[in-house]
C-alpha atoms as a PDB file:
ATOM      1  CA  MET A   1      58.248 124.043  23.205  1.00  0.00           C
ATOM      2  CA  GLU A   2      61.387 122.863  22.547  1.00  0.00           C
ATOM      3  CA  GLN A   3      64.447 125.451  22.509  1.00  0.00           C
ATOM      4  CA  PRO A   4      66.609 126.078  19.793  1.00  0.00           C
ATOM      5  CA  SER A   5      69.794 124.227  19.672  1.00  0.00           C
ATOM      6  CA  SER A   6      73.072 126.147  20.490  1.00  0.00           C
ATOM      7  CA  PRO A   7      74.688 127.353  16.934  1.00  0.00           C
ATOM      8  CA  LEU A   8      77.946 125.978  18.667  1.00  0.00           C
ATOM      9  CA  ALA A   9      76.527 122.504  19.207  1.00  0.00           C
ATOM     10  CA  LEU A  10      78.375 122.600  22.422  1.00  0.00           C
ATOM     11  CA  PRO A  11      76.400 121.500  25.590  1.00  0.00           C
ATOM     12  CA  PRO A  12      76.068 124.614  28.274  1.00  0.00           C
ATOM     13  CA  SER A  13      78.751 123.383  30.587  1.00  0.00           C
ATOM     14  CA  ALA A  14      81.353 122.921  27.907  1.00  0.00           C
ATOM     15  CA  LEU A  15      80.412 127.031  27.026  1.00  0.00           C
ATOM     16  CA  ALA A  16      80.591 127.736  30.208  1.00  0.00           C
ATOM     17  CA  THR A  17      84.190 126.337  30.249  1.00  0.00           C
ATOM     18  CA  ILE A  18      85.144 127.847  26.978  1.00  0.00           C
ATOM     19  CA  ARG A  19      83.822 131.316  28.167  1.00  0.00           C
ATOM     20  CA  GLU A  20      85.729 131.040  31.667  1.00  0.00           C
ATOM     21  CA  ALA A  21      89.131 130.305  29.991  1.00  0.00           C
ATOM     22  CA  LEU A  22      88.882 132.565  27.054  1.00  0.00           C
ATOM     23  CA  SER A  23      88.354 135.235  29.416  1.00  0.00           C
ATOM     24  CA  CYS A  24      91.178 134.433  31.988  1.00  0.00           C
ATOM     25  CA  VAL A  25      93.834 134.237  28.415  1.00  0.00           C
ATOM     26  CA  VAL A  26      92.346 137.477  27.438  1.00  0.00           C
ATOM     27  CA  LEU A  27      92.590 139.402  30.939  1.00  0.00           C
ATOM     28  CA  GLY A  28      96.012 137.878  31.344  1.00  0.00           C
ATOM     29  CA  THR A  29      97.012 138.990  27.647  1.00  0.00           C
ATOM     30  CA  ILE A  30      96.070 142.827  28.357  1.00  0.00           C
ATOM     31  CA  ILE A  31      97.599 142.903  31.816  1.00  0.00           C
ATOM     32  CA  SER A  32     100.804 141.404  30.983  1.00  0.00           C
ATOM     33  CA  THR A  33     100.785 143.987  27.575  1.00  0.00           C
ATOM     34  CA  ALA A  34     100.421 146.495  29.808  1.00  0.00           C
ATOM     35  CA  VAL A  35     103.164 145.330  32.243  1.00  0.00           C
ATOM     36  CA  TYR A  36     105.562 144.644  29.201  1.00  0.00           C
ATOM     37  CA  GLY A  37     104.775 148.652  27.778  1.00  0.00           C
ATOM     38  CA  LEU A  38     106.121 149.426  31.448  1.00  0.00           C
ATOM     39  CA  THR A  39     109.253 147.349  30.799  1.00  0.00           C
ATOM     40  CA  VAL A  40     110.111 148.941  27.748  1.00  0.00           C
ATOM     41  CA  LEU A  41     109.911 152.505  29.444  1.00  0.00           C
ATOM     42  CA  GLN A  42     112.148 150.856  32.112  1.00  0.00           C
ATOM     43  CA  ALA A  43     114.372 149.701  29.419  1.00  0.00           C
ATOM     44  CA  TYR A  44     114.800 153.083  27.645  1.00  0.00           C
ATOM     45  CA  ILE A  45     115.496 154.572  30.847  1.00  0.00           C
ATOM     46  CA  TYR A  46     118.370 152.198  31.558  1.00  0.00           C
ATOM     47  CA  PHE A  47     120.006 152.069  27.903  1.00  0.00           C
ATOM     48  CA  ARG A  48     119.901 155.822  27.514  1.00  0.00           C
ATOM     49  CA  HIS A  49     120.949 156.731  31.308  1.00  0.00           C
ATOM     50  CA  ASN A  50     123.027 154.134  32.871  1.00  0.00           C
ATOM     51  CA  ASN A  51     126.529 153.974  32.763  1.00  0.00           C
ATOM     52  CA  THR A  52     126.519 149.970  33.996  1.00  0.00           C
ATOM     53  CA  SER A  53     129.417 147.704  32.748  1.00  0.00           C
ATOM     54  CA  PRO A  54     129.355 146.319  29.165  1.00  0.00           C
ATOM     55  CA  ARG A  55     128.438 142.897  30.651  1.00  0.00           C
ATOM     56  CA  THR A  56     125.425 144.118  32.696  1.00  0.00           C
ATOM     57  CA  ARG A  57     124.277 145.944  29.818  1.00  0.00           C
ATOM     58  CA  TYR A  58     124.767 143.025  27.579  1.00  0.00           C
ATOM     59  CA  PHE A  59     122.855 140.739  30.211  1.00  0.00           C
ATOM     60  CA  VAL A  60     119.866 143.407  30.661  1.00  0.00           C
ATOM     61  CA  ALA A  61     119.624 143.233  26.741  1.00  0.00           C
ATOM     62  CA  PHE A  62     119.712 139.546  26.896  1.00  0.00           C
ATOM     63  CA  LEU A  63     116.657 139.302  29.548  1.00  0.00           C
ATOM     64  CA  PHE A  64     114.546 142.094  27.847  1.00  0.00           C
ATOM     65  CA  ALA A  65     115.283 140.319  24.494  1.00  0.00           C
ATOM     66  CA  LEU A  66     113.623 137.211  26.409  1.00  0.00           C
ATOM     67  CA  ASP A  67     110.651 139.132  27.632  1.00  0.00           C
ATOM     68  CA  THR A  68     109.692 140.835  24.748  1.00  0.00           C
ATOM     69  CA  ALA A  69     109.724 137.021  22.682  1.00  0.00           C
ATOM     70  CA  THR A  70     107.227 135.578  25.523  1.00  0.00           C
ATOM     71  CA  ILE A  71     105.022 138.776  24.613  1.00  0.00           C
ATOM     72  CA  ILE A  72     105.252 137.921  20.795  1.00  0.00           C
ATOM     73  CA  LEU A  73     104.606 134.260  21.443  1.00  0.00           C
ATOM     74  CA  THR A  74     101.624 135.443  24.025  1.00  0.00           C
ATOM     75  CA  LEU A  75     100.001 137.747  21.263  1.00  0.00           C
ATOM     76  CA  TYR A  76     100.461 135.211  18.292  1.00  0.00           C
ATOM     77  CA  GLY A  77      98.593 132.627  20.208  1.00  0.00           C
ATOM     78  CA  PHE A  78      95.900 134.997  20.928  1.00  0.00           C
ATOM     79  CA  TYR A  79      95.495 136.105  17.521  1.00  0.00           C
ATOM     80  CA  ASP A  80      95.783 132.022  16.461  1.00  0.00           C
ATOM     81  CA  ASP A  81      92.883 131.452  18.574  1.00  0.00           C
ATOM     82  CA  PHE A  82      90.581 134.427  17.950  1.00  0.00           C
ATOM     83  CA  VAL A  83      91.272 134.804  14.061  1.00  0.00           C
ATOM     84  CA  THR A  84      92.635 132.087  12.399  1.00  0.00           C
ATOM     85  CA  HIS A  85      90.754 129.476  13.783  1.00  0.00           C
ATOM     86  CA  PHE A  86      87.980 131.640  14.732  1.00  0.00           C
ATOM     87  CA  ASP A  87      85.014 129.124  13.337  1.00  0.00           C
ATOM     88  CA  ASP A  88      86.630 126.354  15.014  1.00  0.00           C
ATOM     89  CA  VAL A  89      85.150 126.208  18.780  1.00  0.00           C
ATOM     90  CA  LEU A  90      87.432 123.285  19.674  1.00  0.00           C
ATOM     91  CA  SER A  91      90.644 125.179  18.945  1.00  0.00           C
ATOM     92  CA  PHE A  92      89.838 127.155  21.945  1.00  0.00           C
ATOM     93  CA  LEU A  93      90.296 124.027  23.869  1.00  0.00           C
ATOM     94  CA  LYS A  94      93.721 122.934  22.458  1.00  0.00           C
ATOM     95  CA  ILE A  95      96.816 124.492  23.915  1.00  0.00           C
ATOM     96  CA  PRO A  96      98.885 126.377  21.484  1.00  0.00           C
ATOM     97  CA  GLY A  97     102.504 125.452  21.013  1.00  0.00           C
ATOM     98  CA  THR A  98     103.742 129.402  21.499  1.00  0.00           C
ATOM     99  CA  LEU A  99     102.282 128.554  25.155  1.00  0.00           C
ATOM    100  CA  ALA A 100     104.665 125.961  25.744  1.00  0.00           C
ATOM    101  CA  LEU A 101     107.451 128.237  24.388  1.00  0.00           C
ATOM    102  CA  GLU A 102     106.413 131.394  26.486  1.00  0.00           C
ATOM    103  CA  ASN A 103     106.031 129.234  29.774  1.00  0.00           C
ATOM    104  CA  LEU A 104     110.070 127.763  28.976  1.00  0.00           C
ATOM    105  CA  LEU A 105     111.035 131.760  28.266  1.00  0.00           C
ATOM    106  CA  THR A 106     109.097 132.774  31.439  1.00  0.00           C
ATOM    107  CA  VAL A 107     110.831 130.199  33.833  1.00  0.00           C
ATOM    108  CA  LEU A 108     113.961 131.193  32.104  1.00  0.00           C
ATOM    109  CA  ILE A 109     113.777 134.808  33.054  1.00  0.00           C
ATOM    110  CA  GLY A 110     112.865 133.822  36.440  1.00  0.00           C
ATOM    111  CA  LEU A 111     116.083 131.758  36.854  1.00  0.00           C
ATOM    112  CA  LEU A 112     118.350 134.588  35.504  1.00  0.00           C
ATOM    113  CA  THR A 113     116.956 137.298  37.671  1.00  0.00           C
ATOM    114  CA  GLN A 114     117.513 135.493  40.999  1.00  0.00           C
ATOM    115  CA  CYS A 115     121.211 134.690  39.788  1.00  0.00           C
ATOM    116  CA  PHE A 116     121.819 138.099  38.629  1.00  0.00           C
ATOM    117  CA  PHE A 117     120.818 138.876  42.772  1.00  0.00           C
ATOM    118  CA  ALA A 118     122.435 135.931  43.779  1.00  0.00           C
ATOM    119  CA  HIS A 119     125.691 137.582  42.411  1.00  0.00           C
ATOM    120  CA  ARG A 120     124.926 140.753  43.731  1.00  0.00           C
ATOM    121  CA  ILE A 121     124.305 139.039  47.508  1.00  0.00           C
ATOM    122  CA  TRP A 122     127.967 137.396  46.966  1.00  0.00           C
ATOM    123  CA  ALA A 123     129.386 140.719  46.279  1.00  0.00           C
ATOM    124  CA  LEU A 124     127.556 142.274  49.327  1.00  0.00           C
ATOM    125  CA  SER A 125     128.153 139.563  51.594  1.00  0.00           C
ATOM    126  CA  LYS A 126     131.858 139.230  50.911  1.00  0.00           C
ATOM    127  CA  GLY A 127     131.452 135.684  49.656  1.00  0.00           C
ATOM    128  CA  ASN A 128     128.997 134.114  51.703  1.00  0.00           C
ATOM    129  CA  VAL A 129     128.851 130.380  49.748  1.00  0.00           C
ATOM    130  CA  LEU A 130     125.997 128.954  52.014  1.00  0.00           C
ATOM    131  CA  LEU A 131     123.593 131.632  51.574  1.00  0.00           C
ATOM    132  CA  VAL A 132     124.365 132.099  47.224  1.00  0.00           C
ATOM    133  CA  SER A 133     124.513 128.445  47.226  1.00  0.00           C
ATOM    134  CA  SER A 134     121.014 128.202  48.883  1.00  0.00           C
ATOM    135  CA  ILE A 135     119.425 130.802  46.488  1.00  0.00           C
ATOM    136  CA  VAL A 136     120.981 129.581  43.077  1.00  0.00           C
ATOM    137  CA  ILE A 137     120.066 125.957  43.986  1.00  0.00           C
ATOM    138  CA  LEU A 138     116.513 127.084  44.724  1.00  0.00           C
ATOM    139  CA  ALA A 139     116.613 128.939  41.620  1.00  0.00           C
ATOM    140  CA  LEU A 140     117.505 125.591  39.711  1.00  0.00           C
ATOM    141  CA  CYS A 141     115.077 123.383  41.307  1.00  0.00           C
ATOM    142  CA  SER A 142     112.266 125.710  40.356  1.00  0.00           C
ATOM    143  CA  PHE A 143     113.584 126.067  36.942  1.00  0.00           C
ATOM    144  CA  GLY A 144     113.469 122.125  36.209  1.00  0.00           C
ATOM    145  CA  PRO A 145     109.949 121.854  36.700  1.00  0.00           C
ATOM    146  CA  GLY A 146     108.926 124.771  34.715  1.00  0.00           C
ATOM    147  CA  VAL A 147     110.976 123.160  32.097  1.00  0.00           C
ATOM    148  CA  ALA A 148     108.930 119.709  32.774  1.00  0.00           C
ATOM    149  CA  ILE A 149     105.770 121.777  32.654  1.00  0.00           C
ATOM    150  CA  SER A 150     106.898 123.156  29.151  1.00  0.00           C
ATOM    151  CA  ALA A 151     107.508 120.030  27.543  1.00  0.00           C
ATOM    152  CA  HIS A 152     104.038 118.429  29.158  1.00  0.00           C
ATOM    153  CA  LEU A 153     102.185 121.202  27.128  1.00  0.00           C
ATOM    154  CA  TRP A 154     103.993 120.704  23.713  1.00  0.00           C
ATOM    155  CA  ILE A 155     103.344 117.142  24.114  1.00  0.00           C
ATOM    156  CA  ASN A 156      99.616 117.004  25.483  1.00  0.00           C
ATOM    157  CA  THR A 157      97.853 119.724  23.579  1.00  0.00           C
ATOM    158  CA  TYR A 158      94.066 119.837  25.096  1.00  0.00           C
ATOM    159  CA  ILE A 159      93.380 122.081  27.984  1.00  0.00           C
ATOM    160  CA  PHE A 160      92.161 119.378  30.452  1.00  0.00           C
ATOM    161  CA  SER A 161      95.677 118.263  30.617  1.00  0.00           C
ATOM    162  CA  LEU A 162      96.392 121.146  33.076  1.00  0.00           C
ATOM    163  CA  GLY A 163      93.904 119.824  35.479  1.00  0.00           C
ATOM    164  CA  SER A 164      96.307 116.357  35.537  1.00  0.00           C
ATOM    165  CA  LEU A 165      97.908 115.566  38.941  1.00  0.00           C
ATOM    166  CA  GLU A 166     101.772 115.798  37.293  1.00  0.00           C
ATOM    167  CA  VAL A 167     101.205 119.479  36.317  1.00  0.00           C
ATOM    168  CA  ARG A 168      99.998 120.120  39.571  1.00  0.00           C
ATOM    169  CA  MET A 169     102.946 118.653  41.454  1.00  0.00           C
ATOM    170  CA  LEU A 170     104.822 120.520  38.972  1.00  0.00           C
ATOM    171  CA  ALA A 171     103.487 123.711  39.173  1.00  0.00           C
ATOM    172  CA  GLY A 172     103.060 123.716  43.303  1.00  0.00           C
ATOM    173  CA  PHE A 173     106.920 122.809  43.137  1.00  0.00           C
ATOM    174  CA  ALA A 174     107.794 125.399  40.751  1.00  0.00           C
ATOM    175  CA  ASN A 175     106.384 128.222  42.179  1.00  0.00           C
ATOM    176  CA  GLY A 176     106.703 127.252  46.010  1.00  0.00           C
ATOM    177  CA  LEU A 177     110.663 127.034  45.078  1.00  0.00           C
ATOM    178  CA  SER A 178     110.616 130.624  43.448  1.00  0.00           C
ATOM    179  CA  VAL A 179     108.436 132.118  46.255  1.00  0.00           C
ATOM    180  CA  ILE A 180     111.140 130.851  48.729  1.00  0.00           C
ATOM    181  CA  CYS A 181     114.187 131.937  46.625  1.00  0.00           C
ATOM    182  CA  ASP A 182     113.036 135.580  46.373  1.00  0.00           C
ATOM    183  CA  LEU A 183     111.717 136.032  49.659  1.00  0.00           C
ATOM    184  CA  LEU A 184     115.215 134.658  50.877  1.00  0.00           C
ATOM    185  CA  ILE A 185     116.974 137.146  48.001  1.00  0.00           C
ATOM    186  CA  ALA A 186     115.179 140.280  49.577  1.00  0.00           C
ATOM    187  CA  ALA A 187     116.063 139.067  53.499  1.00  0.00           C
ATOM    188  CA  ALA A 188     119.547 138.511  52.436  1.00  0.00           C
ATOM    189  CA  MET A 189     119.750 141.861  50.763  1.00  0.00           C
ATOM    190  CA  CYS A 190     118.144 143.441  53.473  1.00  0.00           C
ATOM    191  CA  MET A 191     120.290 141.927  55.998  1.00  0.00           C
ATOM    192  CA  TYR A 192     123.734 142.816  54.533  1.00  0.00           C
ATOM    193  CA  LEU A 193     122.684 146.321  53.486  1.00  0.00           C
ATOM    194  CA  ASN A 194     121.632 147.017  56.805  1.00  0.00           C
ATOM    195  CA  THR A 195     125.205 146.253  58.046  1.00  0.00           C
ATOM    196  CA  LYS A 196     126.479 149.090  56.005  1.00  0.00           C
ATOM    197  CA  ARG A 197     125.212 151.865  57.992  1.00  0.00           C
ATOM    198  CA  THR A 198     127.583 154.339  58.804  1.00  0.00           C
ATOM    199  CA  GLY A 199     125.239 156.958  61.158  1.00  0.00           C
ATOM    200  CA  PHE A 200     125.175 159.546  58.586  1.00  0.00           C
ATOM    201  CA  ARG A 201     121.740 160.640  57.731  1.00  0.00           C
ATOM    202  CA  ARG A 202     122.424 161.157  54.070  1.00  0.00           C
ATOM    203  CA  THR A 203     124.034 157.388  53.627  1.00  0.00           C
ATOM    204  CA  ASP A 204     121.633 155.866  55.754  1.00  0.00           C
ATOM    205  CA  SER A 205     119.016 157.280  53.843  1.00  0.00           C
ATOM    206  CA  ILE A 206     120.318 155.485  50.667  1.00  0.00           C
ATOM    207  CA  ILE A 207     120.332 152.470  52.547  1.00  0.00           C
ATOM    208  CA  ASP A 208     116.914 152.340  53.539  1.00  0.00           C
ATOM    209  CA  ARG A 209     115.878 153.157  49.986  1.00  0.00           C
ATOM    210  CA  LEU A 210     117.851 150.234  48.502  1.00  0.00           C
ATOM    211  CA  MET A 211     116.199 147.877  51.170  1.00  0.00           C
ATOM    212  CA  MET A 212     112.826 149.009  50.626  1.00  0.00           C
ATOM    213  CA  TYR A 213     113.589 148.357  46.961  1.00  0.00           C
ATOM    214  CA  ALA A 214     114.518 145.237  47.643  1.00  0.00           C
ATOM    215  CA  ILE A 215     111.596 144.135  49.911  1.00  0.00           C
ATOM    216  CA  ASN A 216     109.152 145.503  47.567  1.00  0.00           C
ATOM    217  CA  ARG A 217     110.700 143.530  44.347  1.00  0.00           C
ATOM    218  CA  GLY A 218     110.661 140.425  46.757  1.00  0.00           C
ATOM    219  CA  LEU A 219     107.026 140.761  47.966  1.00  0.00           C
ATOM    220  CA  LEU A 220     106.153 141.690  44.342  1.00  0.00           C
ATOM    221  CA  THR A 221     107.249 138.576  42.501  1.00  0.00           C
ATOM    222  CA  ALA A 222     106.694 136.042  45.322  1.00  0.00           C
ATOM    223  CA  THR A 223     102.930 137.272  45.894  1.00  0.00           C
ATOM    224  CA  CYS A 224     102.534 136.589  41.865  1.00  0.00           C
ATOM    225  CA  GLN A 225     104.442 133.267  42.266  1.00  0.00           C
ATOM    226  CA  ALA A 226     102.058 132.233  45.295  1.00  0.00           C
ATOM    227  CA  CYS A 227      99.059 133.101  43.556  1.00  0.00           C
ATOM    228  CA  HIS A 228     100.108 131.238  40.431  1.00  0.00           C
ATOM    229  CA  MET A 229     101.002 128.143  42.752  1.00  0.00           C
ATOM    230  CA  ILE A 230      97.414 128.214  44.618  1.00  0.00           C
ATOM    231  CA  LEU A 231      94.970 128.632  41.865  1.00  0.00           C
ATOM    232  CA  THR A 232      96.756 125.927  39.682  1.00  0.00           C
ATOM    233  CA  ILE A 233      96.351 123.211  42.779  1.00  0.00           C
ATOM    234  CA  ALA A 234      92.635 124.986  43.815  1.00  0.00           C
ATOM    235  CA  PHE A 235      91.464 124.916  40.357  1.00  0.00           C
ATOM    236  CA  PRO A 236      92.381 122.290  38.608  1.00  0.00           C
ATOM    237  CA  GLY A 237      91.971 121.887  34.867  1.00  0.00           C
ATOM    238  CA  ARG A 238      90.772 125.911  34.809  1.00  0.00           C
ATOM    239  CA  LEU A 239      92.766 128.650  33.420  1.00  0.00           C
ATOM    240  CA  ILE A 240      92.060 131.159  36.506  1.00  0.00           C
ATOM    241  CA  TYR A 241      95.689 130.943  37.358  1.00  0.00           C
ATOM    242  CA  PHE A 242      96.623 132.345  33.863  1.00  0.00           C
ATOM    243  CA  PRO A 243      97.325 135.857  34.125  1.00  0.00           C
ATOM    244  CA  PHE A 244      99.378 135.299  36.972  1.00  0.00           C
ATOM    245  CA  ALA A 245     101.526 132.694  34.807  1.00  0.00           C
ATOM    246  CA  LEU A 246     101.646 135.561  32.098  1.00  0.00           C
ATOM    247  CA  LEU A 247     103.041 137.957  34.903  1.00  0.00           C
ATOM    248  CA  ASP A 248     105.788 135.729  36.431  1.00  0.00           C
ATOM    249  CA  GLY A 249     108.320 136.793  33.688  1.00  0.00           C
ATOM    250  CA  LYS A 250     107.130 140.136  33.017  1.00  0.00           C
ATOM    251  CA  LEU A 251     107.517 141.112  36.536  1.00  0.00           C
ATOM    252  CA  TYR A 252     110.946 139.929  37.054  1.00  0.00           C
ATOM    253  CA  CYS A 253     112.041 141.694  34.143  1.00  0.00           C
ATOM    254  CA  ASN A 254     110.263 145.101  35.152  1.00  0.00           C
ATOM    255  CA  THR A 255     111.258 144.723  38.752  1.00  0.00           C
ATOM    256  CA  LEU A 256     115.052 143.833  37.868  1.00  0.00           C
ATOM    257  CA  LEU A 257     115.143 147.111  35.528  1.00  0.00           C
ATOM    258  CA  ALA A 258     113.260 149.278  38.012  1.00  0.00           C
ATOM    259  CA  THR A 259     116.114 148.346  40.680  1.00  0.00           C
ATOM    260  CA  LEU A 260     118.694 148.971  38.017  1.00  0.00           C
ATOM    261  CA  ASN A 261     117.055 152.663  37.546  1.00  0.00           C
ATOM    262  CA  ALA A 262     116.584 153.308  41.036  1.00  0.00           C
ATOM    263  CA  GLN A 263     120.287 153.142  41.867  1.00  0.00           C
ATOM    264  CA  ARG A 264     121.123 155.080  39.035  1.00  0.00           C
ATOM    265  CA  ALA A 265     118.483 157.945  39.948  1.00  0.00           C
ATOM    266  CA  MET A 266     119.912 157.305  43.587  1.00  0.00           C
ATOM    267  CA  ARG A 267     123.559 157.919  42.237  1.00  0.00           C
ATOM    268  CA  GLY A 268     122.014 161.155  40.682  1.00  0.00           C
ATOM    269  CA  ASP A 269     121.111 162.266  44.219  1.00  0.00           C
ATOM    270  CA  GLU A 270     124.703 162.453  45.157  1.00  0.00           C
ATOM    271  CA  PRO A 271     127.426 164.299  43.672  1.00  0.00           C
ATOM    272  CA  ASN A 272     130.423 162.857  45.173  1.00  0.00           C
ATOM    273  CA  ILE A 273     130.419 159.354  43.319  1.00  0.00           C
ATOM    274  CA  ILE A 274     133.607 158.290  41.975  1.00  0.00           C
ATOM    275  CA  GLU A 275     133.638 155.327  39.820  1.00  0.00           C
ATOM    276  CA  VAL A 276     136.837 152.730  39.208  1.00  0.00           C
ATOM    277  CA  GLY A 277     135.507 150.569  36.675  1.00  0.00           C
ATOM    278  CA  SER A 278     133.030 148.322  38.567  1.00  0.00           C
ATOM    279  CA  HIS A 279     133.948 149.549  42.241  1.00  0.00           C
ATOM    280  CA  MET A 280     133.588 152.548  44.318  1.00  0.00           C
ATOM    281  CA  LEU A 281     136.585 153.954  45.958  1.00  0.00           C
ATOM    282  CA  ASN A 282     137.064 156.319  49.122  1.00  0.00           C
ATOM    283  CA  PRO A 283     137.450 160.001  47.142  1.00  0.00           C
ATOM    284  CA  ILE A 284     140.044 160.499  49.153  1.00  0.00           C
ATOM    285  CA  ASP A 285     142.034 157.191  49.322  1.00  0.00           C
ATOM    286  CA  SER A 286     145.372 158.264  46.878  1.00  0.00           C
ATOM    287  CA  SER A 287     146.586 155.247  47.279  1.00  0.00           C
ATOM    288  CA  THR A 288     143.871 153.000  45.626  1.00  0.00           C
ATOM    289  CA  ALA A 289     143.015 155.726  43.323  1.00  0.00           C
ATOM    290  CA  GLY A 290     143.479 154.472  39.643  1.00  0.00           C
ATOM    291  CA  HIS A 291     142.749 154.970  36.191  1.00  0.00           C
ATOM    292  CA  GLY A 292     139.201 156.244  35.492  1.00  0.00           C
ATOM    293  CA  SER A 293     139.158 157.744  38.801  1.00  0.00           C
ATOM    294  CA  ARG A 294     137.800 161.558  39.636  1.00  0.00           C
ATOM    295  CA  ARG A 295     138.089 164.246  42.099  1.00  0.00           C
ATOM    296  CA  THR A 296     135.101 165.585  44.161  1.00  0.00           C
ATOM    297  CA  LEU A 297     133.385 168.670  42.962  1.00  0.00           C
ATOM    298  CA  HIS A 298     135.852 171.115  45.220  1.00  0.00           C
ATOM    299  CA  GLY A 299     139.042 168.401  45.468  1.00  0.00           C
ATOM    300  CA  LYS A 300     138.520 168.042  48.928  1.00  0.00           C
ATOM    301  CA  LEU A 301     136.605 166.359  51.802  1.00  0.00           C
ATOM    302  CA  ASP A 302     136.094 167.337  55.635  1.00  0.00           C
ATOM    303  CA  SER A 303     137.283 164.711  58.134  1.00  0.00           C
ATOM    304  CA  ALA A 304     133.723 163.167  58.770  1.00  0.00           C
ATOM    305  CA  SER A 305     133.297 162.229  54.749  1.00  0.00           C
ATOM    306  CA  ALA A 306     136.856 160.967  54.729  1.00  0.00           C
ATOM    307  CA  SER A 307     135.907 158.346  57.169  1.00  0.00           C
ATOM    308  CA  MET A 308     132.902 157.131  55.801  1.00  0.00           C
ATOM    309  CA  PRO A 309     133.338 153.627  53.986  1.00  0.00           C
ATOM    310  CA  SER A 310     131.893 152.731  50.880  1.00  0.00           C
ATOM    311  CA  ILE A 311     128.193 151.912  50.967  1.00  0.00           C
ATOM    312  CA  ARG A 312     127.603 149.988  48.044  1.00  0.00           C
ATOM    313  CA  LYS A 313     131.105 148.427  47.070  1.00  0.00           C
ATOM    314  CA  ASP A 314     129.861 145.316  48.063  1.00  0.00           C
ATOM    315  CA  PHE A 315     126.478 145.799  46.418  1.00  0.00           C
ATOM    316  CA  SER A 316     127.527 146.725  43.127  1.00  0.00           C
ATOM    317  CA  GLY A 317     130.038 143.990  42.457  1.00  0.00           C
ATOM    318  CA  ALA A 318     128.175 143.431  39.408  1.00  0.00           C
ATOM    319  CA  GLY A 319     128.781 147.284  38.218  1.00  0.00           C
ATOM    320  CA  LYS A 320     128.080 149.879  40.472  1.00  0.00           C
ATOM    321  CA  ALA A 321     128.775 151.324  43.831  1.00  0.00           C
ATOM    322  CA  MET A 322     128.238 154.432  45.915  1.00  0.00           C
ATOM    323  CA  VAL A 323     130.093 156.920  48.220  1.00  0.00           C
ATOM    324  CA  SER A 324     128.329 160.269  49.645  1.00  0.00           C
ATOM    325  CA  ARG A 325     130.165 163.391  51.357  1.00  0.00           C
ATOM    326  CA  GLN A 326     128.194 165.896  53.515  1.00  0.00           C
END
């Protein structure tokens, strides 16, 4: 008996390909939207409670705006496929223009975040030109192929173009360099933070927590980029990598905000914080105290605290540092 033809008039293999692609799109959209919700919460906490420099706040606001734009573009593409062109199955095989724009903004978020941490490492390392230049060059070299992929997606609108050798090479190059850059940032921050140990339990505990955040941030973003790279190369022409592609920018923005908020929380753990502009001064050093300084809670420190160096003066060249007293 002859089997009824599919109402979609497509062979089973094509339907299976579409089903797999749509499942990856739906899964990636759901996960990225959930992570964006966490980013909104982090942004609310940051802007409500953080007293960083205006320059840092403007940078964070711009980064958050870019992340918001990526989720809008993703949801618009989702709506366009499943609502506007619901009766056109072949439209599922086309790449919406919003995806090209979303990819462009995502690689821009990655570049800005990596350069932000490079700036902090510059202050923490007291101007290590070779190290910071290496980080910036890696970030820029990763950004270039990302822009090229966005241009390719804009010109070649069919999903099968994602399996081309050009896209796979560009994606492997971009993601691979991002992995190296993120791991280098984490290693550099841990190395220089470790040199700031003083031997005091409380301050060394702060160093340990800062190092933990640096390692977790680097591993999280590097793992996402590595999965994106491996799945793109291993499964050409398929969207199995798509959830990781949507998560790339979300994780960069979220981990940066989480790091800034964690530093604020650690400052809250320490009652003796003296900020002068964007630097930290020893609370007993009257020769360097200037406008904007404030004394400790009781107006004095013991000799051990007086000799304790600033832990995070260099680390907070972008806006913060901390000194603790016993």
